[in-house]
Amino acid sequence: MAKKGFNFNFFIIILNIFLIDFFSKYFLLNFFELENKGRIFVTRFLDLVLVYNPGISYGIFSNGGEIQRIFLIVLSVIIIAYLIYWIRSSTSKFLSFGLCLIIGGALGNMVDRIIYGKVVDFISLHVFDYYWYVFNIADIAIVSGGLSVLMVSTKDSFRNS
């Protein structure tokens, strides 16, 4: 693989994901005052509801306290640094794009842990009486980026089979 520098466009993608996530949470908490309004019904399948998640995905490890919060912040920094290294050594723009989505989302959730002590989630999707976990813009970016990385990683396997 040819080594290349960190493309400025990748920085813009990361920054945009982070800012969209940060300002959506900031608006809902400080201007819309979602915390005082409870569940807001937007459509038949989408609600806004404020949930603070001190753990990781799906509320796993929610009882870890301050040590866990610091550990998750440090882990986020390490993962972000590794993903930046991966982007710098990648020749695939699609893979780099996916990694940028993950980094932007990880930054958003990491900043939540720094500011609020917990990750702020507010998007609730549901079908009839089945509700999915509450999530945020950063989570959407992380999952989308993860799917992009998975697609690139498995592309050759499908091509060879």
C-alpha atoms as a PDB file:
ATOM      1  CA  MET A   1       0.000   0.000   0.000  1.00  0.00           C
ATOM      2  CA  ALA A   2       1.240   3.440  -0.820  1.00  0.00           C
ATOM      3  CA  LYS A   3       1.490   5.711   2.188  1.00  0.00           C
ATOM      4  CA  LYS A   4      -0.346   8.987   1.857  1.00  0.00           C
ATOM      5  CA  GLY A   5      -1.006  12.006   4.024  1.00  0.00           C
ATOM      6  CA  PHE A   6      -4.205  12.850   5.845  1.00  0.00           C
ATOM      7  CA  ASN A   7      -6.523  14.430   3.291  1.00  0.00           C
ATOM      8  CA  PHE A   8      -8.073  17.764   4.354  1.00  0.00           C
ATOM      9  CA  ASN A   9     -11.439  16.543   3.019  1.00  0.00           C
ATOM     10  CA  PHE A  10     -11.360  13.766   5.598  1.00  0.00           C
ATOM     11  CA  PHE A  11     -10.905  16.360   8.343  1.00  0.00           C
ATOM     12  CA  ILE A  12     -13.964  18.243   7.009  1.00  0.00           C
ATOM     13  CA  ILE A  13     -16.056  15.033   7.104  1.00  0.00           C
ATOM     14  CA  ILE A  14     -14.998  14.299  10.688  1.00  0.00           C
ATOM     15  CA  LEU A  15     -15.649  17.894  11.756  1.00  0.00           C
ATOM     16  CA  ASN A  16     -19.096  17.956  10.131  1.00  0.00           C
ATOM     17  CA  ILE A  17     -20.199  14.701  11.770  1.00  0.00           C
ATOM     18  CA  PHE A  18     -18.962  15.952  15.138  1.00  0.00           C
ATOM     19  CA  LEU A  19     -20.636  19.380  14.777  1.00  0.00           C
ATOM     20  CA  ILE A  20     -23.975  17.956  13.599  1.00  0.00           C
ATOM     21  CA  ASP A  21     -23.996  15.570  16.555  1.00  0.00           C
ATOM     22  CA  PHE A  22     -22.848  18.191  19.079  1.00  0.00           C
ATOM     23  CA  PHE A  23     -25.255  20.923  17.997  1.00  0.00           C
ATOM     24  CA  SER A  24     -28.251  18.563  17.698  1.00  0.00           C
ATOM     25  CA  LYS A  25     -27.726  17.581  21.342  1.00  0.00           C
ATOM     26  CA  TYR A  26     -26.968  21.152  22.401  1.00  0.00           C
ATOM     27  CA  PHE A  27     -30.158  22.433  20.726  1.00  0.00           C
ATOM     28  CA  LEU A  28     -32.375  19.694  22.168  1.00  0.00           C
ATOM     29  CA  LEU A  29     -30.990  20.166  25.684  1.00  0.00           C
ATOM     30  CA  ASN A  30     -30.643  23.953  25.879  1.00  0.00           C
ATOM     31  CA  PHE A  31     -33.202  25.482  23.517  1.00  0.00           C
ATOM     32  CA  PHE A  32     -35.833  22.832  22.957  1.00  0.00           C
ATOM     33  CA  GLU A  33     -35.529  21.672  26.594  1.00  0.00           C
ATOM     34  CA  LEU A  34     -36.230  18.047  25.720  1.00  0.00           C
ATOM     35  CA  GLU A  35     -35.428  17.005  29.287  1.00  0.00           C
ATOM     36  CA  ASN A  36     -38.559  18.830  30.520  1.00  0.00           C
ATOM     37  CA  LYS A  37     -40.870  17.676  27.717  1.00  0.00           C
ATOM     38  CA  GLY A  38     -40.652  13.897  27.981  1.00  0.00           C
ATOM     39  CA  ARG A  39     -41.356  11.895  24.832  1.00  0.00           C
ATOM     40  CA  ILE A  40     -42.111  13.998  21.735  1.00  0.00           C
ATOM     41  CA  PHE A  41     -44.024  12.139  19.029  1.00  0.00           C
ATOM     42  CA  VAL A  42     -42.608  13.214  15.647  1.00  0.00           C
ATOM     43  CA  THR A  43     -44.068  10.558  13.326  1.00  0.00           C
ATOM     44  CA  ARG A  44     -45.722   7.143  13.679  1.00  0.00           C
ATOM     45  CA  PHE A  45     -42.265   5.574  13.887  1.00  0.00           C
ATOM     46  CA  LEU A  46     -40.024   8.333  15.313  1.00  0.00           C
ATOM     47  CA  ASP A  47     -39.998   9.992  18.727  1.00  0.00           C
ATOM     48  CA  LEU A  48     -37.577  12.292  20.490  1.00  0.00           C
ATOM     49  CA  VAL A  49     -36.842  11.284  24.063  1.00  0.00           C
ATOM     50  CA  LEU A  50     -33.874  12.172  26.250  1.00  0.00           C
ATOM     51  CA  VAL A  51     -31.813   9.279  27.591  1.00  0.00           C
ATOM     52  CA  TYR A  52     -28.406   9.560  29.250  1.00  0.00           C
ATOM     53  CA  ASN A  53     -26.244   6.488  28.664  1.00  0.00           C
ATOM     54  CA  PRO A  54     -23.287   6.170  31.058  1.00  0.00           C
ATOM     55  CA  GLY A  55     -22.228   2.844  29.525  1.00  0.00           C
ATOM     56  CA  ILE A  56     -21.480   1.729  25.997  1.00  0.00           C
ATOM     57  CA  SER A  57     -23.785   0.422  23.280  1.00  0.00           C
ATOM     58  CA  TYR A  58     -27.279  -0.503  24.461  1.00  0.00           C
ATOM     59  CA  GLY A  59     -26.492   0.648  28.000  1.00  0.00           C
ATOM     60  CA  ILE A  60     -23.971  -2.148  28.626  1.00  0.00           C
ATOM     61  CA  PHE A  61     -21.685  -1.404  31.605  1.00  0.00           C
ATOM     62  CA  SER A  62     -23.917   1.404  32.864  1.00  0.00           C
ATOM     63  CA  ASN A  63     -22.823   1.087  36.496  1.00  0.00           C
ATOM     64  CA  GLY A  64     -19.091   1.724  36.122  1.00  0.00           C
ATOM     65  CA  GLY A  65     -18.886   5.152  37.690  1.00  0.00           C
ATOM     66  CA  GLU A  66     -16.142   7.744  37.246  1.00  0.00           C
ATOM     67  CA  ILE A  67     -13.323   5.240  36.625  1.00  0.00           C
ATOM     68  CA  GLN A  68     -15.271   3.742  33.743  1.00  0.00           C
ATOM     69  CA  ARG A  69     -16.023   7.190  32.303  1.00  0.00           C
ATOM     70  CA  ILE A  70     -12.328   8.081  32.300  1.00  0.00           C
ATOM     71  CA  PHE A  71     -11.433   4.664  30.862  1.00  0.00           C
ATOM     72  CA  LEU A  72     -13.946   5.116  28.020  1.00  0.00           C
ATOM     73  CA  ILE A  73     -12.602   8.608  27.243  1.00  0.00           C
ATOM     74  CA  VAL A  74      -9.015   7.320  27.105  1.00  0.00           C
ATOM     75  CA  LEU A  75     -10.107   4.324  25.031  1.00  0.00           C
ATOM     76  CA  SER A  76     -11.864   6.688  22.613  1.00  0.00           C
ATOM     77  CA  VAL A  77      -8.686   8.736  22.193  1.00  0.00           C
ATOM     78  CA  ILE A  78      -6.664   5.587  21.486  1.00  0.00           C
ATOM     79  CA  ILE A  79      -9.213   4.281  18.974  1.00  0.00           C
ATOM     80  CA  ILE A  80      -9.454   7.655  17.227  1.00  0.00           C
ATOM     81  CA  ALA A  81      -5.644   7.832  16.968  1.00  0.00           C
ATOM     82  CA  TYR A  82      -5.532   4.333  15.485  1.00  0.00           C
ATOM     83  CA  LEU A  83      -8.285   5.120  12.980  1.00  0.00           C
ATOM     84  CA  ILE A  84      -6.407   8.248  11.864  1.00  0.00           C
ATOM     85  CA  TYR A  85      -3.302   6.094  11.376  1.00  0.00           C
ATOM     86  CA  TRP A  86      -5.432   3.628   9.369  1.00  0.00           C
ATOM     87  CA  ILE A  87      -6.740   6.440   7.151  1.00  0.00           C
ATOM     88  CA  ARG A  88      -3.195   7.686   6.528  1.00  0.00           C
ATOM     89  CA  SER A  89      -2.097   4.237   5.352  1.00  0.00           C
ATOM     90  CA  SER A  90      -5.230   3.417   3.338  1.00  0.00           C
ATOM     91  CA  THR A  91      -5.479   3.719  -0.425  1.00  0.00           C
ATOM     92  CA  SER A  92      -9.265   3.267  -0.457  1.00  0.00           C
ATOM     93  CA  LYS A  93     -11.285   6.481  -0.319  1.00  0.00           C
ATOM     94  CA  PHE A  94     -14.432   4.547   0.594  1.00  0.00           C
ATOM     95  CA  LEU A  95     -12.662   2.883   3.528  1.00  0.00           C
ATOM     96  CA  SER A  96     -11.244   6.249   4.617  1.00  0.00           C
ATOM     97  CA  PHE A  97     -14.714   7.796   4.389  1.00  0.00           C
ATOM     98  CA  GLY A  98     -16.124   5.058   6.637  1.00  0.00           C
ATOM     99  CA  LEU A  99     -13.312   5.567   9.122  1.00  0.00           C
ATOM    100  CA  CYS A 100     -14.028   9.319   9.133  1.00  0.00           C
ATOM    101  CA  LEU A 101     -17.649   8.601  10.022  1.00  0.00           C
ATOM    102  CA  ILE A 102     -16.523   6.433  12.931  1.00  0.00           C
ATOM    103  CA  ILE A 103     -14.056   9.074  14.138  1.00  0.00           C
ATOM    104  CA  GLY A 104     -16.653  11.873  13.957  1.00  0.00           C
ATOM    105  CA  GLY A 105     -19.150   9.782  15.902  1.00  0.00           C
ATOM    106  CA  ALA A 106     -16.568   8.672  18.449  1.00  0.00           C
ATOM    107  CA  LEU A 107     -15.572  12.317  19.017  1.00  0.00           C
ATOM    108  CA  GLY A 108     -19.229  13.260  19.538  1.00  0.00           C
ATOM    109  CA  ASN A 109     -19.820  10.573  22.151  1.00  0.00           C
ATOM    110  CA  MET A 110     -16.441  11.225  23.794  1.00  0.00           C
ATOM    111  CA  VAL A 111     -17.237  14.936  24.196  1.00  0.00           C
ATOM    112  CA  ASP A 112     -20.582  13.956  25.775  1.00  0.00           C
ATOM    113  CA  ARG A 113     -18.695  11.881  28.354  1.00  0.00           C
ATOM    114  CA  ILE A 114     -16.397  14.834  29.054  1.00  0.00           C
ATOM    115  CA  ILE A 115     -19.183  17.449  29.327  1.00  0.00           C
ATOM    116  CA  TYR A 116     -22.151  15.486  30.736  1.00  0.00           C
ATOM    117  CA  GLY A 117     -20.463  12.408  32.162  1.00  0.00           C
ATOM    118  CA  LYS A 118     -22.724  10.307  29.938  1.00  0.00           C
ATOM    119  CA  VAL A 119     -23.661  10.000  26.276  1.00  0.00           C
ATOM    120  CA  VAL A 120     -26.783  11.956  25.299  1.00  0.00           C
ATOM    121  CA  ASP A 121     -29.216   9.881  23.212  1.00  0.00           C
ATOM    122  CA  PHE A 122     -32.495  11.205  21.843  1.00  0.00           C
ATOM    123  CA  ILE A 123     -33.700   9.363  18.696  1.00  0.00           C
ATOM    124  CA  SER A 124     -36.266   6.643  19.313  1.00  0.00           C
ATOM    125  CA  LEU A 125     -37.444   4.513  16.394  1.00  0.00           C
ATOM    126  CA  HIS A 126     -40.358   2.132  16.763  1.00  0.00           C
ATOM    127  CA  VAL A 127     -42.758  -0.062  14.859  1.00  0.00           C
ATOM    128  CA  PHE A 128     -46.128  -0.433  16.573  1.00  0.00           C
ATOM    129  CA  ASP A 129     -45.216  -1.299  20.181  1.00  0.00           C
ATOM    130  CA  TYR A 130     -41.659  -2.462  19.402  1.00  0.00           C
ATOM    131  CA  TYR A 131     -39.137   0.207  20.374  1.00  0.00           C
ATOM    132  CA  TRP A 132     -35.494   0.098  19.334  1.00  0.00           C
ATOM    133  CA  TYR A 133     -32.754   1.479  21.589  1.00  0.00           C
ATOM    134  CA  VAL A 134     -32.519   5.250  21.840  1.00  0.00           C
ATOM    135  CA  PHE A 135     -29.509   6.601  19.944  1.00  0.00           C
ATOM    136  CA  ASN A 136     -27.978   9.801  18.528  1.00  0.00           C
ATOM    137  CA  ILE A 137     -26.336  11.189  15.373  1.00  0.00           C
ATOM    138  CA  ALA A 138     -22.895   9.975  16.497  1.00  0.00           C
ATOM    139  CA  ASP A 139     -24.234   6.427  16.780  1.00  0.00           C
ATOM    140  CA  ILE A 140     -25.653   6.627  13.248  1.00  0.00           C
ATOM    141  CA  ALA A 141     -22.245   7.759  11.963  1.00  0.00           C
ATOM    142  CA  ILE A 142     -20.403   5.000  13.847  1.00  0.00           C
ATOM    143  CA  VAL A 143     -22.708   2.257  12.549  1.00  0.00           C
ATOM    144  CA  SER A 144     -22.634   3.640   8.989  1.00  0.00           C
ATOM    145  CA  GLY A 145     -18.846   3.880   9.099  1.00  0.00           C
ATOM    146  CA  GLY A 146     -18.598   0.367  10.504  1.00  0.00           C
ATOM    147  CA  LEU A 147     -20.749  -0.960   7.661  1.00  0.00           C
ATOM    148  CA  SER A 148     -18.528   0.849   5.144  1.00  0.00           C
ATOM    149  CA  VAL A 149     -15.403  -0.699   6.661  1.00  0.00           C
ATOM    150  CA  LEU A 150     -17.080  -4.120   6.650  1.00  0.00           C
ATOM    151  CA  MET A 151     -18.041  -3.739   2.985  1.00  0.00           C
ATOM    152  CA  VAL A 152     -14.491  -2.827   1.972  1.00  0.00           C
ATOM    153  CA  SER A 153     -13.007  -5.576   4.134  1.00  0.00           C
ATOM    154  CA  THR A 154     -15.235  -8.298   2.674  1.00  0.00           C
ATOM    155  CA  LYS A 155     -15.242  -7.058  -0.934  1.00  0.00           C
ATOM    156  CA  ASP A 156     -12.350  -9.292  -2.014  1.00  0.00           C
ATOM    157  CA  SER A 157     -13.869 -12.328  -0.288  1.00  0.00           C
ATOM    158  CA  PHE A 158     -17.064 -11.971  -2.310  1.00  0.00           C
ATOM    159  CA  ARG A 159     -15.148 -11.277  -5.494  1.00  0.00           C
ATOM    160  CA  ASN A 160     -13.072 -14.471  -5.083  1.00  0.00           C
ATOM    161  CA  SER A 161     -15.994 -16.765  -4.204  1.00  0.00           C
END
